Amino acid sequence: MQADGPRACRFGRRWYLNNESWHPSVPPFGEMKCILCWCVSGETHCQRQECPPGACASPAARDSPCCTKCR
């Protein structure tokens, strides 16, 4: 028996529609902005944001909440 359409995904206590993406929330830390999750036909996939390699001696301000940049 086949479903009528693409299935939703459950992550924690929430449901997400097919092709919907979100940043997961992990108690007690809160929203994980460096990780992106998405729903694909009922399966949840998550990936940490990739940052360019840090080839500097002293990292400075952050380019994004997840990656640092050189001075």
Protein backbone atom coordinates (compact mmCIF):
# COMPACT_ATOMS: atom_id res chain seq x y z
CA MET A 1 0.00 0.00 0.00
CA GLN A 2 1.36 3.42 -0.96
CA ALA A 3 0.79 6.74 0.77
CA ASP A 4 -1.21 9.44 -0.99
CA GLY A 5 1.73 11.86 -1.00
CA PRO A 6 5.15 12.57 0.50
CA ARG A 7 5.35 11.82 4.20
CA ALA A 8 6.12 14.34 6.93
CA CYS A 9 8.97 13.98 9.43
CA ARG A 10 8.84 14.04 13.20
CA PHE A 11 11.76 15.66 15.00
CA GLY A 12 11.44 15.95 18.75
CA ARG A 13 7.86 16.98 19.44
CA ARG A 14 7.28 18.72 16.10
CA TRP A 15 6.22 17.55 12.65
CA TYR A 16 7.77 18.98 9.47
CA LEU A 17 6.41 18.77 5.95
CA ASN A 18 8.28 17.10 3.10
CA ASN A 19 11.09 19.43 1.84
CA GLU A 20 10.78 21.68 4.91
CA SER A 21 14.05 22.71 6.60
CA TRP A 22 14.78 23.92 10.14
CA HIS A 23 17.48 24.45 12.74
CA PRO A 24 16.99 21.85 15.46
CA SER A 25 16.41 22.87 19.06
CA VAL A 26 18.19 20.82 21.70
CA PRO A 27 17.28 21.45 25.36
CA PRO A 28 18.91 22.97 27.37
CA PHE A 29 21.10 24.55 24.65
CA GLY A 30 18.32 25.95 22.47
CA GLU A 31 18.38 26.36 18.70
CA MET A 32 21.45 24.92 16.97
CA LYS A 33 22.04 27.56 14.27
CA CYS A 34 25.08 25.76 12.86
CA ILE A 35 23.03 22.66 12.02
CA LEU A 36 20.37 22.47 9.32
CA CYS A 37 17.84 19.65 9.14
CA TRP A 38 15.37 18.88 6.36
CA CYS A 39 12.62 16.39 5.67
CA VAL A 40 12.82 14.08 2.65
CA SER A 41 9.91 11.68 2.17
CA GLY A 42 9.50 10.97 5.86
CA GLU A 43 13.21 10.84 6.71
CA THR A 44 15.02 13.57 8.64
CA HIS A 45 18.51 14.54 7.46
CA CYS A 46 20.77 16.95 9.36
CA GLN A 47 24.12 18.48 8.50
CA ARG A 48 26.49 20.86 10.29
CA GLN A 49 27.34 24.02 8.34
CA GLU A 50 30.65 23.61 6.54
CA CYS A 51 33.22 26.34 7.10
CA PRO A 52 36.28 27.12 4.98
CA PRO A 53 39.49 25.78 6.53
CA GLY A 54 41.05 28.17 9.04
CA ALA A 55 44.59 28.83 7.84
CA CYS A 56 45.39 31.78 10.10
CA ALA A 57 47.30 32.04 13.36
CA SER A 58 44.78 34.25 15.16
CA PRO A 59 41.10 34.01 14.25
CA ALA A 60 39.12 37.23 14.59
CA ALA A 61 35.47 38.13 14.46
CA ARG A 62 33.04 35.55 13.19
CA ASP A 63 31.81 35.70 9.64
CA SER A 64 28.70 33.80 10.70
CA PRO A 65 27.56 32.30 14.01
CA CYS A 66 29.40 29.10 13.06
CA CYS A 67 32.58 30.12 11.22
CA THR A 68 35.51 32.34 12.15
CA LYS A 69 37.54 34.48 9.76
CA CYS A 70 41.16 35.66 9.88
CA ARG A 71 42.23 39.16 10.86
